[in-house]
Amino acid sequence: MSLGSFLRQNAQWLGAGALLTFLSSFGQTFFISVFAGEIRETFGLSHGQWGGIYTLGTGMAAVVMVWAGGLTDVLRVRQLGPFILAGLAMACLAMAFNPWAGLLFVVVFALRFFGQGMSSHIALVAMSRWFDATRGRALSVATMGFALGEALLPLTFVALMVWVDWHLLWIASAVAILLAVPLLMRLLRQERTPQSHAERSISVGMRGRHWTRKDVLTHPLFWFMVPAILGPPSFVTAYFFHQVHLADIKGWVHVELVRLFPVYTALSLGIAIGSGWALDRVGAVRLMPFMQVPMVAAFMIYAVSDTPGTMLMGLACMAITTGCMATLPNAFWAEVFGTAHIGAIKAMAAAVMVLGSAIGPGVTGLLIDLGLGIQRQFIGVSAYFVLATVMMMIGISRARKDL
């Protein structure tokens, strides 16, 4: 099937996935961190305190994701999606009207759970379940929503903050999310399969069977993959979370850094599309071990860059991995463990990723407060990705006889 035919025949379902991933932007770090300076100033927080609050709220979201993510094995997307988006809109309103620093972690929890967590999760699980032979292409198209959000929202909202109070921008975000709910319902007036239940799926995993979440937790491959799942959300999140601080220590105006993000996003989108095409032909299992090698170069460049041009080189390297992360891991779980319980299995991986996005800002913020500069930390991050890559290679090699 040609790409044009694929898009025409599946436009409404692919559009629903892309809409959900785009709306998840309002709970993603690259969006929340745009307001970091205003939040810290309003509530009198240090980098470490704000990072700690972010870690606590996001960590709570990761814990709840382990249970809530399994709902995608029970409920259809058109049933679950509007509820999740309503929760995300309420979280945006809470950020706008919350007057107490003590409640910030609750607001962060809601933004991260309904945004980065569940909005992304239900979109990617749906693509993994609804598509088999074209799963890679479906995932790459759906993840365009992430790319669009990364490209448009930070730059737009940084520019708007010059003229508009930041609280009003969170209210506008809530309105935009609520206006999108009827569109989602229209796109999903008919789901791609008669039932969204896993037992109707045709995809099996290792040893020709469907794996349960309990089975996955007892297989060494999952644990060998955990560092690789944890790393990108931890340190990509930390990079965007500390973007205001990073621009300051580089001696740049914040907008000089932010205006590089659309280029990063365009590169990431191109890689996501390419990786989706590649995994349909080669398979996610063969591609996964090489996914995080560019991160080693990216964070070394961040550590030494002194101009926006060199910073862009690092962003280009990071875009290779983040583009692959948009498609490969989601297809990997389906290929290896089947799709009968893909919601529950993917929920564990999503919880690890959300946990990573909690750890990164908290640890790096604390280390900044203790005097270990973010640029020196980036050297250690590069070493982490070397270790994660080695562990992936070992885990997949050991499991190859079952694949």
Protein backbone atom coordinates (compact mmCIF):
# COMPACT_ATOMS: atom_id res chain seq x y z
CA MET A 1 0.00 0.00 0.00
CA SER A 2 1.34 3.44 -0.93
CA LEU A 3 1.72 6.11 1.73
CA GLY A 4 -1.03 8.19 0.13
CA SER A 5 -3.49 5.30 0.15
CA PHE A 6 -2.56 4.43 3.71
CA LEU A 7 -3.21 8.00 4.88
CA ARG A 8 -6.52 8.29 3.00
CA GLN A 9 -7.89 4.98 4.24
CA ASN A 10 -6.92 5.60 7.86
CA ALA A 11 -7.12 9.38 8.13
CA GLN A 12 -9.66 9.56 10.96
CA TRP A 13 -7.81 7.13 13.24
CA LEU A 14 -4.39 8.56 12.51
CA GLY A 15 -5.83 12.03 13.06
CA ALA A 16 -7.19 11.00 16.45
CA GLY A 17 -3.78 9.69 17.47
CA ALA A 18 -2.02 12.85 16.30
CA LEU A 19 -4.58 15.04 18.07
CA LEU A 20 -4.04 13.23 21.37
CA THR A 21 -0.26 13.41 21.12
CA PHE A 22 -0.45 17.12 20.29
CA LEU A 23 -2.72 17.85 23.25
CA SER A 24 -0.37 15.93 25.52
CA SER A 25 2.02 18.87 24.96
CA PHE A 26 0.24 20.85 27.66
CA GLY A 27 1.51 18.33 30.21
CA GLN A 28 4.95 17.85 28.66
CA THR A 29 8.10 19.31 30.17
CA PHE A 30 8.98 21.32 27.08
CA PHE A 31 5.76 23.30 27.64
CA ILE A 32 5.68 23.51 31.44
CA SER A 33 9.33 24.59 31.57
CA VAL A 34 8.53 27.68 29.51
CA PHE A 35 6.91 29.02 32.69
CA ALA A 36 9.69 27.88 35.03
CA GLY A 37 11.05 31.37 35.68
CA GLU A 38 7.60 32.80 36.41
CA ILE A 39 6.65 29.88 38.65
CA ARG A 40 9.87 30.06 40.68
CA GLU A 41 9.54 33.85 41.03
CA THR A 42 5.86 33.73 41.99
CA PHE A 43 6.35 31.11 44.69
CA GLY A 44 9.92 32.01 45.72
CA LEU A 45 11.48 28.67 44.74
CA SER A 46 15.10 27.75 44.04
CA HIS A 47 16.07 25.48 41.14
CA GLY A 48 16.30 22.54 43.54
CA GLN A 49 12.94 23.26 45.20
CA TRP A 50 11.10 23.59 41.89
CA GLY A 51 12.87 20.49 40.60
CA GLY A 52 11.88 18.62 43.77
CA ILE A 53 8.23 19.61 43.39
CA TYR A 54 8.33 18.54 39.77
CA THR A 55 9.91 15.23 40.74
CA LEU A 56 7.31 14.55 43.41
CA GLY A 57 4.34 15.34 41.18
CA THR A 58 5.71 13.45 38.21
CA GLY A 59 6.72 10.49 40.38
CA MET A 60 3.17 10.24 41.68
CA ALA A 61 1.93 10.29 38.09
CA ALA A 62 4.26 7.39 37.25
CA VAL A 63 2.87 5.30 40.11
CA VAL A 64 -0.74 5.90 39.09
CA MET A 65 0.12 5.18 35.44
CA VAL A 66 0.93 1.56 36.29
CA TRP A 67 -2.75 1.02 37.15
CA ALA A 68 -4.47 3.56 34.91
CA GLY A 69 -2.56 2.58 31.79
CA GLY A 70 -4.22 -0.83 31.86
CA LEU A 71 -7.59 0.84 31.28
CA THR A 72 -6.69 0.94 27.59
CA ASP A 73 -7.13 -2.85 27.56
CA VAL A 74 -10.69 -2.42 28.82
CA LEU A 75 -12.09 0.88 27.49
CA ARG A 76 -12.26 2.17 23.94
CA VAL A 77 -10.33 5.29 23.03
CA ARG A 78 -13.52 7.27 22.42
CA GLN A 79 -14.63 6.44 25.97
CA LEU A 80 -11.34 7.15 27.71
CA GLY A 81 -10.01 10.02 25.59
CA PRO A 82 -12.56 12.74 26.45
CA PHE A 83 -12.26 11.99 30.17
CA ILE A 84 -8.47 12.29 30.02
CA LEU A 85 -8.62 15.54 28.08
CA ALA A 86 -11.12 17.00 30.55
CA GLY A 87 -8.71 16.15 33.36
CA LEU A 88 -5.87 17.83 31.48
CA ALA A 89 -7.94 20.98 30.98
CA MET A 90 -8.74 21.09 34.69
CA ALA A 91 -5.05 20.73 35.48
CA CYS A 92 -4.26 23.75 33.28
CA LEU A 93 -6.90 25.77 35.14
CA ALA A 94 -5.40 24.64 38.44
CA MET A 95 -2.00 25.98 37.38
CA ALA A 96 -3.61 29.29 36.48
CA PHE A 97 -5.50 29.74 39.76
CA ASN A 98 -3.39 27.93 42.36
CA PRO A 99 -2.18 30.45 45.00
CA TRP A 100 -0.11 28.10 47.21
CA ALA A 101 3.32 26.62 46.64
CA GLY A 102 2.29 23.62 48.75
CA LEU A 103 -0.25 22.56 46.12
CA LEU A 104 2.12 22.88 43.17
CA PHE A 105 3.03 19.19 43.32
CA VAL A 106 -0.68 18.29 42.94
CA VAL A 107 -0.95 20.54 39.90
CA VAL A 108 2.21 19.05 38.41
CA PHE A 109 0.86 15.55 39.10
CA ALA A 110 -2.35 16.31 37.20
CA LEU A 111 -0.55 17.90 34.26
CA ARG A 112 1.91 15.04 33.97
CA PHE A 113 -0.62 12.24 34.50
CA PHE A 114 -3.31 13.49 32.14
CA GLY A 115 -0.87 15.06 29.67
CA GLN A 116 2.45 13.32 29.21
CA GLY A 117 1.12 10.12 30.76
CA MET A 118 -2.36 9.15 29.64
CA SER A 119 -2.91 11.33 26.56
CA SER A 120 0.26 9.93 25.01
CA HIS A 121 -0.38 6.42 26.27
CA ILE A 122 -3.86 5.94 24.85
CA ALA A 123 -2.77 7.33 21.47
CA LEU A 124 0.27 5.06 21.14
CA VAL A 125 -1.48 1.96 22.47
CA ALA A 126 -4.27 2.53 19.95
CA MET A 127 -1.79 2.75 17.06
CA SER A 128 0.01 -0.39 18.27
CA ARG A 129 -3.26 -2.31 18.53
CA TRP A 130 -5.13 -1.01 15.50
CA PHE A 131 -2.25 -1.58 13.06
CA ASP A 132 -0.04 -4.61 12.49
CA ALA A 133 1.89 -4.69 9.21
CA THR A 134 1.81 -0.88 9.04
CA ARG A 135 2.34 -0.28 12.76
CA GLY A 136 5.53 1.71 12.19
CA ARG A 137 3.90 4.09 9.75
CA ALA A 138 0.89 4.54 12.02
CA LEU A 139 3.08 5.37 15.00
CA SER A 140 5.19 7.80 13.00
CA VAL A 141 2.10 9.65 11.75
CA ALA A 142 0.48 9.76 15.19
CA THR A 143 3.63 11.10 16.82
CA MET A 144 3.56 14.11 14.51
CA GLY A 145 1.38 15.61 17.22
CA PHE A 146 4.37 15.60 19.57
CA ALA A 147 6.50 17.28 16.93
CA LEU A 148 3.89 19.93 16.18
CA GLY A 149 3.54 20.74 19.86
CA GLU A 150 7.30 20.98 20.37
CA ALA A 151 7.68 23.20 17.33
CA LEU A 152 4.84 25.61 17.94
CA LEU A 153 3.95 25.87 21.60
CA PRO A 154 7.21 26.87 23.38
CA LEU A 155 8.10 29.59 20.88
CA THR A 156 4.52 30.86 20.73
CA PHE A 157 4.04 31.02 24.48
CA VAL A 158 7.46 32.58 25.15
CA ALA A 159 6.52 35.32 22.69
CA LEU A 160 3.04 35.75 24.20
CA MET A 161 4.43 36.11 27.72
CA VAL A 162 5.91 39.45 26.69
CA TRP A 163 2.36 40.79 26.35
CA VAL A 164 0.11 38.43 28.31
CA ASP A 165 0.17 37.39 31.97
CA TRP A 166 1.30 33.79 32.28
CA HIS A 167 -1.78 32.80 34.28
CA LEU A 168 -4.02 33.78 31.35
CA LEU A 169 -1.99 31.59 29.03
CA TRP A 170 -2.78 28.54 31.15
CA ILE A 171 -6.48 29.44 30.96
CA ALA A 172 -6.19 29.68 27.18
CA SER A 173 -4.56 26.25 27.15
CA ALA A 174 -7.50 24.75 29.04
CA VAL A 175 -9.97 26.29 26.59
CA ALA A 176 -8.03 24.90 23.62
CA ILE A 177 -8.08 21.39 25.10
CA LEU A 178 -11.81 21.48 25.78
CA LEU A 179 -12.53 22.72 22.26
CA ALA A 180 -10.64 19.71 20.90
CA VAL A 181 -12.86 17.14 22.67
CA PRO A 182 -15.73 17.31 20.12
CA LEU A 183 -13.19 16.92 17.30
CA LEU A 184 -11.78 13.79 18.93
CA MET A 185 -15.27 12.36 19.33
CA ARG A 186 -16.02 13.01 15.67
CA LEU A 187 -12.79 11.34 14.54
CA LEU A 188 -13.58 8.30 16.69
CA ARG A 189 -17.28 8.00 15.88
CA GLN A 190 -16.23 4.57 14.60
CA GLU A 191 -13.08 2.84 15.88
CA ARG A 192 -10.84 0.97 13.48
CA THR A 193 -11.75 -2.41 14.98
CA PRO A 194 -15.24 -3.41 16.16
CA GLN A 195 -13.83 -3.96 19.66
CA SER A 196 -10.76 -2.33 21.18
CA HIS A 197 -10.16 -5.31 23.38
CA ALA A 198 -6.80 -6.99 23.21
CA GLU A 199 -8.09 -10.51 22.74
CA ARG A 200 -9.28 -9.51 19.25
CA SER A 201 -5.71 -8.64 18.21
CA ILE A 202 -3.82 -10.82 15.76
CA SER A 203 -0.27 -9.99 16.91
CA VAL A 204 1.63 -12.44 19.08
CA GLY A 205 5.00 -12.02 20.76
CA MET A 206 7.95 -14.24 21.69
CA ARG A 207 7.36 -17.98 21.55
CA GLY A 208 4.20 -17.34 19.53
CA ARG A 209 2.07 -16.23 22.46
CA HIS A 210 0.64 -13.19 24.18
CA TRP A 211 2.46 -12.16 27.34
CA THR A 212 0.77 -10.82 30.47
CA ARG A 213 2.23 -8.04 32.56
CA LYS A 214 3.27 -10.58 35.21
CA ASP A 215 5.09 -12.63 32.56
CA VAL A 216 6.93 -9.55 31.31
CA LEU A 217 8.11 -8.62 34.80
CA THR A 218 9.70 -12.04 35.22
CA HIS A 219 11.57 -11.92 31.89
CA PRO A 220 15.12 -10.47 32.02
CA LEU A 221 14.69 -8.60 28.73
CA PHE A 222 12.35 -6.04 30.31
CA TRP A 223 14.88 -5.18 33.02
CA PHE A 224 17.74 -4.93 30.55
CA MET A 225 15.63 -2.41 28.66
CA VAL A 226 14.75 -0.27 31.70
CA PRO A 227 17.88 1.98 31.61
CA ALA A 228 17.22 2.71 27.94
CA ILE A 229 13.57 3.52 28.65
CA LEU A 230 14.51 5.66 31.64
CA GLY A 231 17.37 7.64 30.10
CA PRO A 232 15.83 9.81 27.35
CA PRO A 233 12.85 11.05 29.37
CA SER A 234 15.14 11.74 32.33
CA PHE A 235 17.73 13.79 30.55
CA VAL A 236 15.81 15.24 27.62
CA THR A 237 13.32 16.40 30.23
CA ALA A 238 16.13 17.85 32.34
CA TYR A 239 17.50 19.68 29.29
CA PHE A 240 14.18 21.36 28.53
CA PHE A 241 13.31 21.83 32.20
CA HIS A 242 16.47 23.88 32.79
CA GLN A 243 16.33 25.73 29.48
CA VAL A 244 16.03 29.14 31.15
CA HIS A 245 19.00 28.40 33.43
CA LEU A 246 21.00 26.91 30.53
CA ALA A 247 20.48 29.99 28.38
CA ASP A 248 21.53 32.18 31.32
CA ILE A 249 24.82 30.37 31.99
CA LYS A 250 25.59 30.35 28.26
CA GLY A 251 25.06 34.12 28.23
CA TRP A 252 22.17 33.96 25.77
CA VAL A 253 18.71 35.52 25.78
CA HIS A 254 16.16 32.75 26.40
CA VAL A 255 14.53 33.20 23.00
CA GLU A 256 17.91 32.50 21.31
CA LEU A 257 17.72 28.97 22.69
CA VAL A 258 13.99 28.51 22.18
CA ARG A 259 14.15 29.46 18.51
CA LEU A 260 16.37 26.42 17.91
CA PHE A 261 13.61 24.07 19.09
CA PRO A 262 11.56 24.10 15.85
CA VAL A 263 14.65 22.91 13.96
CA TYR A 264 15.14 20.15 16.52
CA THR A 265 11.47 19.22 16.22
CA ALA A 266 11.58 19.11 12.41
CA LEU A 267 14.60 16.82 12.53
CA SER A 268 12.95 14.64 15.17
CA LEU A 269 9.81 14.37 13.04
CA GLY A 270 11.80 13.37 9.99
CA ILE A 271 13.59 10.68 11.97
CA ALA A 272 10.29 9.45 13.43
CA ILE A 273 8.86 9.03 9.93
CA GLY A 274 12.02 7.32 8.72
CA SER A 275 12.18 5.00 11.72
CA GLY A 276 8.53 4.07 11.22
CA TRP A 277 9.26 3.13 7.63
CA ALA A 278 12.36 1.18 8.68
CA LEU A 279 10.73 -0.81 11.46
CA ASP A 280 7.95 -1.98 9.12
CA ARG A 281 10.68 -3.51 6.98
CA VAL A 282 13.42 -4.48 9.44
CA GLY A 283 11.61 -4.78 12.77
CA ALA A 284 12.00 -2.84 16.00
CA VAL A 285 14.09 -5.56 17.66
CA ARG A 286 16.95 -5.10 15.20
CA LEU A 287 16.90 -1.31 15.38
CA MET A 288 16.54 -0.76 19.13
CA PRO A 289 20.18 -1.37 20.21
CA PHE A 290 21.44 1.56 18.11
CA MET A 291 18.75 4.04 19.14
CA GLN A 292 20.57 5.91 21.90
CA VAL A 293 24.11 6.17 20.50
CA PRO A 294 23.47 9.74 19.22
CA MET A 295 22.62 10.82 22.77
CA VAL A 296 26.24 10.26 23.79
CA ALA A 297 27.35 12.89 21.28
CA ALA A 298 24.43 15.22 22.04
CA PHE A 299 25.19 15.72 25.72
CA MET A 300 28.93 16.03 25.16
CA ILE A 301 28.17 18.85 22.73
CA TYR A 302 25.84 20.49 25.25
CA ALA A 303 28.63 20.39 27.81
CA VAL A 304 31.10 22.30 25.65
CA SER A 305 28.97 24.40 23.28
CA ASP A 306 29.38 28.15 23.52
CA THR A 307 27.28 29.31 20.57
CA PRO A 308 23.72 28.59 19.42
CA GLY A 309 25.20 27.00 16.29
CA THR A 310 27.06 24.32 18.24
CA MET A 311 24.05 23.84 20.50
CA LEU A 312 22.03 23.10 17.37
CA MET A 313 24.47 20.31 16.50
CA GLY A 314 23.70 18.72 19.85
CA LEU A 315 19.98 19.13 19.28
CA ALA A 316 20.36 17.42 15.91
CA CYS A 317 21.97 14.41 17.60
CA MET A 318 19.28 14.35 20.28
CA ALA A 319 16.60 14.55 17.58
CA ILE A 320 17.81 11.25 16.11
CA THR A 321 17.14 9.43 19.37
CA THR A 322 13.91 11.22 20.25
CA GLY A 323 12.59 10.59 16.74
CA CYS A 324 13.33 6.89 17.12
CA MET A 325 11.86 6.87 20.64
CA ALA A 326 8.56 8.02 19.18
CA THR A 327 8.12 4.79 17.25
CA LEU A 328 10.59 2.03 18.07
CA PRO A 329 9.86 1.27 21.76
CA ASN A 330 6.09 1.17 21.20
CA ALA A 331 6.50 -1.28 18.33
CA PHE A 332 9.15 -3.20 20.27
CA TRP A 333 6.75 -4.11 23.11
CA ALA A 334 4.16 -5.31 20.61
CA GLU A 335 6.70 -7.37 18.63
CA VAL A 336 8.25 -8.98 21.69
CA PHE A 337 5.27 -9.49 24.01
CA GLY A 338 2.22 -9.42 21.72
CA THR A 339 -0.79 -7.13 21.85
CA ALA A 340 -3.31 -9.01 23.98
CA HIS A 341 -2.18 -7.10 27.08
CA ILE A 342 -0.33 -4.28 25.33
CA GLY A 343 -2.09 -1.60 27.38
CA ALA A 344 -0.93 -3.02 30.70
CA ILE A 345 2.58 -3.78 29.38
CA LYS A 346 2.95 -0.38 27.74
CA ALA A 347 1.68 1.18 30.97
CA MET A 348 4.71 -0.23 32.80
CA ALA A 349 7.05 1.20 30.18
CA ALA A 350 5.16 4.50 30.26
CA ALA A 351 5.42 4.58 34.05
CA VAL A 352 9.19 4.08 33.77
CA MET A 353 9.36 6.94 31.28
CA VAL A 354 7.24 9.21 33.45
CA LEU A 355 9.40 8.26 36.44
CA GLY A 356 12.45 9.17 34.38
CA SER A 357 10.99 12.56 33.59
CA ALA A 358 10.52 12.98 37.34
CA ILE A 359 14.05 11.98 38.28
CA GLY A 360 15.84 14.12 35.72
CA PRO A 361 14.68 17.60 36.77
CA GLY A 362 14.84 16.78 40.49
CA VAL A 363 18.35 15.35 40.51
CA THR A 364 19.83 17.95 38.17
CA GLY A 365 18.14 20.80 40.04
CA LEU A 366 19.51 19.53 43.36
CA LEU A 367 23.01 19.18 41.91
CA ILE A 368 22.83 22.74 40.56
CA ASP A 369 21.94 23.96 44.06
CA LEU A 370 24.90 21.96 45.44
CA GLY A 371 27.28 23.63 43.00
CA LEU A 372 27.64 20.98 40.29
CA GLY A 373 26.95 22.90 37.11
CA ILE A 374 24.57 21.58 34.48
CA GLN A 375 27.32 21.51 31.85
CA ARG A 376 29.48 19.22 34.00
CA GLN A 377 26.46 17.04 34.63
CA PHE A 378 25.98 16.59 30.89
CA ILE A 379 29.31 14.72 30.67
CA GLY A 380 27.99 12.15 33.15
CA VAL A 381 24.78 11.88 31.14
CA SER A 382 26.81 10.88 28.07
CA ALA A 383 28.39 8.07 30.07
CA TYR A 384 24.95 6.92 31.19
CA PHE A 385 23.82 6.48 27.58
CA VAL A 386 26.89 4.38 26.81
CA LEU A 387 25.88 2.05 29.67
CA ALA A 388 22.22 1.95 28.58
CA THR A 389 23.22 1.01 25.03
CA VAL A 390 25.44 -1.83 26.23
CA MET A 391 22.65 -3.20 28.43
CA MET A 392 20.18 -3.12 25.54
CA MET A 393 22.56 -5.05 23.35
CA ILE A 394 23.09 -7.68 26.04
CA GLY A 395 19.38 -8.06 26.79
CA ILE A 396 18.29 -8.42 23.18
CA SER A 397 21.16 -10.80 22.42
CA ARG A 398 20.17 -13.05 25.34
CA ALA A 399 16.50 -13.07 24.27
CA ARG A 400 17.16 -13.67 20.58
CA LYS A 401 16.50 -17.41 20.80
CA ASP A 402 12.92 -16.66 21.93
CA LEU A 403 12.25 -14.00 19.31
